[in-house]
C-alpha atoms as a PDB file:
ATOM      1  CA  UNK A   1     101.190  80.117  93.031  1.00  0.00           C
ATOM      2  CA  UNK A   2     100.767  83.014  95.271  1.00  0.00           C
ATOM      3  CA  UNK A   3      97.980  84.721  93.100  1.00  0.00           C
ATOM      4  CA  UNK A   4      96.236  81.632  92.471  1.00  0.00           C
ATOM      5  CA  UNK A   5      95.323  80.866  96.396  1.00  0.00           C
ATOM      6  CA  UNK A   6      95.034  84.291  97.119  1.00  0.00           C
ATOM      7  CA  UNK A   7      92.150  83.912  94.197  1.00  0.00           C
ATOM      8  CA  UNK A   8      90.987  80.669  95.697  1.00  0.00           C
ATOM      9  CA  UNK A   9      90.992  80.884  99.223  1.00  0.00           C
ATOM     10  CA  UNK A  10      89.162  84.266  98.252  1.00  0.00           C
ATOM     11  CA  UNK A  11      86.209  82.130  96.790  1.00  0.00           C
ATOM     12  CA  UNK A  12      87.007  82.589  93.582  1.00  0.00           C
ATOM     13  CA  UNK A  13      87.800  79.642  90.482  1.00  0.00           C
ATOM     14  CA  UNK A  14      91.223  80.010  89.098  1.00  0.00           C
ATOM     15  CA  UNK A  15      91.587  77.952  85.912  1.00  0.00           C
ATOM     16  CA  UNK A  16      95.469  78.646  83.874  1.00  0.00           C
ATOM     17  CA  UNK A  17      95.181  79.070  79.638  1.00  0.00           C
ATOM     18  CA  UNK A  18      95.881  76.186  78.248  1.00  0.00           C
ATOM     19  CA  UNK A  19      97.793  77.820  75.450  1.00  0.00           C
ATOM     20  CA  UNK A  20     100.146  80.561  75.501  1.00  0.00           C
ATOM     21  CA  UNK A  21      98.604  83.661  76.075  1.00  0.00           C
ATOM     22  CA  UNK A  22      98.994  87.470  78.142  1.00  0.00           C
ATOM     23  CA  UNK A  23      97.239  86.649  80.565  1.00  0.00           C
ATOM     24  CA  UNK A  24      98.337  83.989  83.990  1.00  0.00           C
ATOM     25  CA  UNK A  25      94.914  83.069  85.441  1.00  0.00           C
ATOM     26  CA  UNK A  26      91.545  83.263  84.763  1.00  0.00           C
ATOM     27  CA  UNK A  27      89.597  84.322  87.887  1.00  0.00           C
ATOM     28  CA  UNK A  28      86.067  83.525  87.812  1.00  0.00           C
ATOM     29  CA  UNK A  29      83.763  85.184  89.714  1.00  0.00           C
ATOM     30  CA  UNK A  30      80.399  87.401  89.127  1.00  0.00           C
ATOM     31  CA  UNK A  31      82.187  87.863  85.985  1.00  0.00           C
ATOM     32  CA  UNK A  32      85.897  86.682  84.284  1.00  0.00           C
ATOM     33  CA  UNK A  33      88.660  88.133  84.639  1.00  0.00           C
ATOM     34  CA  UNK A  34      92.207  87.739  82.661  1.00  0.00           C
ATOM     35  CA  UNK A  35      94.937  88.664  85.101  1.00  0.00           C
ATOM     36  CA  UNK A  36      98.544  88.694  84.444  1.00  0.00           C
ATOM     37  CA  UNK A  37     100.392  88.098  87.563  1.00  0.00           C
ATOM     38  CA  UNK A  38     103.597  90.315  88.278  1.00  0.00           C
ATOM     39  CA  UNK A  39     106.602  90.627  90.987  1.00  0.00           C
ATOM     40  CA  UNK A  40     108.292  94.099  92.707  1.00  0.00           C
ATOM     41  CA  UNK A  41     111.589  93.008  94.146  1.00  0.00           C
ATOM     42  CA  UNK A  42     113.009  96.029  93.090  1.00  0.00           C
ATOM     43  CA  UNK A  43     112.719  98.899  95.972  1.00  0.00           C
ATOM     44  CA  UNK A  44     113.664 102.871  95.241  1.00  0.00           C
ATOM     45  CA  UNK A  45     113.389 104.725  98.262  1.00  0.00           C
ATOM     46  CA  UNK A  46     110.106 104.116  99.820  1.00  0.00           C
ATOM     47  CA  UNK A  47     108.392 101.963  97.268  1.00  0.00           C
ATOM     48  CA  UNK A  48     108.844  98.747  95.396  1.00  0.00           C
ATOM     49  CA  UNK A  49     109.502  99.009  91.626  1.00  0.00           C
ATOM     50  CA  UNK A  50     107.169  96.888  89.021  1.00  0.00           C
ATOM     51  CA  UNK A  51     107.811  96.112  85.124  1.00  0.00           C
ATOM     52  CA  UNK A  52     104.266  95.325  83.726  1.00  0.00           C
ATOM     53  CA  UNK A  53     105.564  95.760  80.501  1.00  0.00           C
ATOM     54  CA  UNK A  54     106.435  91.544  78.722  1.00  0.00           C
ATOM     55  CA  UNK A  55     110.009  91.556  78.471  1.00  0.00           C
ATOM     56  CA  UNK A  56     111.461  89.571  75.311  1.00  0.00           C
ATOM     57  CA  UNK A  57     113.453  91.592  72.327  1.00  0.00           C
ATOM     58  CA  UNK A  58     111.195  94.545  72.753  1.00  0.00           C
ATOM     59  CA  UNK A  59     109.302  95.067  75.720  1.00  0.00           C
ATOM     60  CA  UNK A  60     105.245  95.808  75.443  1.00  0.00           C
ATOM     61  CA  UNK A  61     103.041  96.557  77.484  1.00  0.00           C
ATOM     62  CA  UNK A  62      99.286  95.468  77.868  1.00  0.00           C
ATOM     63  CA  UNK A  63      96.129  96.389  76.312  1.00  0.00           C
ATOM     64  CA  UNK A  64      92.898  96.217  77.957  1.00  0.00           C
ATOM     65  CA  UNK A  65      92.022  93.722  75.207  1.00  0.00           C
ATOM     66  CA  UNK A  66      94.436  91.288  76.330  1.00  0.00           C
ATOM     67  CA  UNK A  67      93.663  91.759  79.932  1.00  0.00           C
ATOM     68  CA  UNK A  68      91.645  92.986  83.085  1.00  0.00           C
ATOM     69  CA  UNK A  69      93.953  93.174  86.115  1.00  0.00           C
ATOM     70  CA  UNK A  70      97.430  93.197  87.012  1.00  0.00           C
ATOM     71  CA  UNK A  71      98.106  90.880  90.306  1.00  0.00           C
ATOM     72  CA  UNK A  72     101.092  92.519  91.471  1.00  0.00           C
ATOM     73  CA  UNK A  73     103.305  90.543  94.939  1.00  0.00           C
ATOM     74  CA  UNK A  74     105.869  93.353  96.268  1.00  0.00           C
ATOM     75  CA  UNK A  75     109.017  92.278  98.312  1.00  0.00           C
ATOM     76  CA  UNK A  76     107.379  92.181 101.682  1.00  0.00           C
ATOM     77  CA  UNK A  77     104.538  89.987 100.015  1.00  0.00           C
ATOM     78  CA  UNK A  78     101.702  92.728  99.857  1.00  0.00           C
ATOM     79  CA  UNK A  79      99.254  92.022  97.416  1.00  0.00           C
ATOM     80  CA  UNK A  80      98.034  94.487  94.914  1.00  0.00           C
ATOM     81  CA  UNK A  81      95.039  94.172  92.102  1.00  0.00           C
ATOM     82  CA  UNK A  82      94.966  96.869  89.519  1.00  0.00           C
ATOM     83  CA  UNK A  83      93.080  97.495  86.851  1.00  0.00           C
ATOM     84  CA  UNK A  84      94.618  97.323  83.288  1.00  0.00           C
ATOM     85  CA  UNK A  85      92.649 100.534  82.946  1.00  0.00           C
ATOM     86  CA  UNK A  86      94.333 102.834  85.147  1.00  0.00           C
ATOM     87  CA  UNK A  87      97.929 101.514  84.050  1.00  0.00           C
ATOM     88  CA  UNK A  88      97.666 101.056  80.110  1.00  0.00           C
ATOM     89  CA  UNK A  89     100.430 101.964  78.659  1.00  0.00           C
ATOM     90  CA  UNK A  90     102.801 102.231  81.268  1.00  0.00           C
ATOM     91  CA  UNK A  91     106.300 100.021  81.573  1.00  0.00           C
ATOM     92  CA  UNK A  92     106.875 100.561  85.401  1.00  0.00           C
ATOM     93  CA  UNK A  93     105.114 101.619  88.154  1.00  0.00           C
ATOM     94  CA  UNK A  94     105.931 102.237  91.864  1.00  0.00           C
ATOM     95  CA  UNK A  95     103.499 100.506  93.716  1.00  0.00           C
ATOM     96  CA  UNK A  96     103.494 103.359  96.649  1.00  0.00           C
ATOM     97  CA  UNK A  97     100.966 105.475  94.362  1.00  0.00           C
ATOM     98  CA  UNK A  98      98.354 102.267  94.022  1.00  0.00           C
ATOM     99  CA  UNK A  99      97.971 101.771  98.035  1.00  0.00           C
ATOM    100  CA  UNK A 100      94.251 101.563  97.557  1.00  0.00           C
ATOM    101  CA  UNK A 101      94.304  98.448  94.996  1.00  0.00           C
ATOM    102  CA  UNK A 102      96.458  96.807  97.941  1.00  0.00           C
ATOM    103  CA  UNK A 103      94.318  93.792  98.964  1.00  0.00           C
ATOM    104  CA  UNK A 104      93.984  92.243 102.764  1.00  0.00           C
ATOM    105  CA  UNK A 105      96.094  89.704 103.743  1.00  0.00           C
ATOM    106  CA  UNK A 106      94.109  86.564 104.288  1.00  0.00           C
ATOM    107  CA  UNK A 107      94.076  85.267 107.739  1.00  0.00           C
ATOM    108  CA  UNK A 108      94.368  81.548 108.350  1.00  0.00           C
END
């Protein structure tokens, strides 16, 4: 809900898939974006850690044919919009390495 609210308040149209699929949100601005939402609630040293692979019997990474972006919410409620092409194939990332993808806080 936090990711959908961020996009909606930023002027995007947001929808949820009607059938199970690899993305959580379809976000439409100039072009549609398939967005997978992840959280990072574990800190390691000075960085939040986020698992990007899906859970199940075997962890599976996301492919650029399945999603376009990860919307990551860390434990400090900072938001990141990271292109899957940048982190494709990774199971886990440290968000301190992706500061350039941190989104601005919305003014209310």
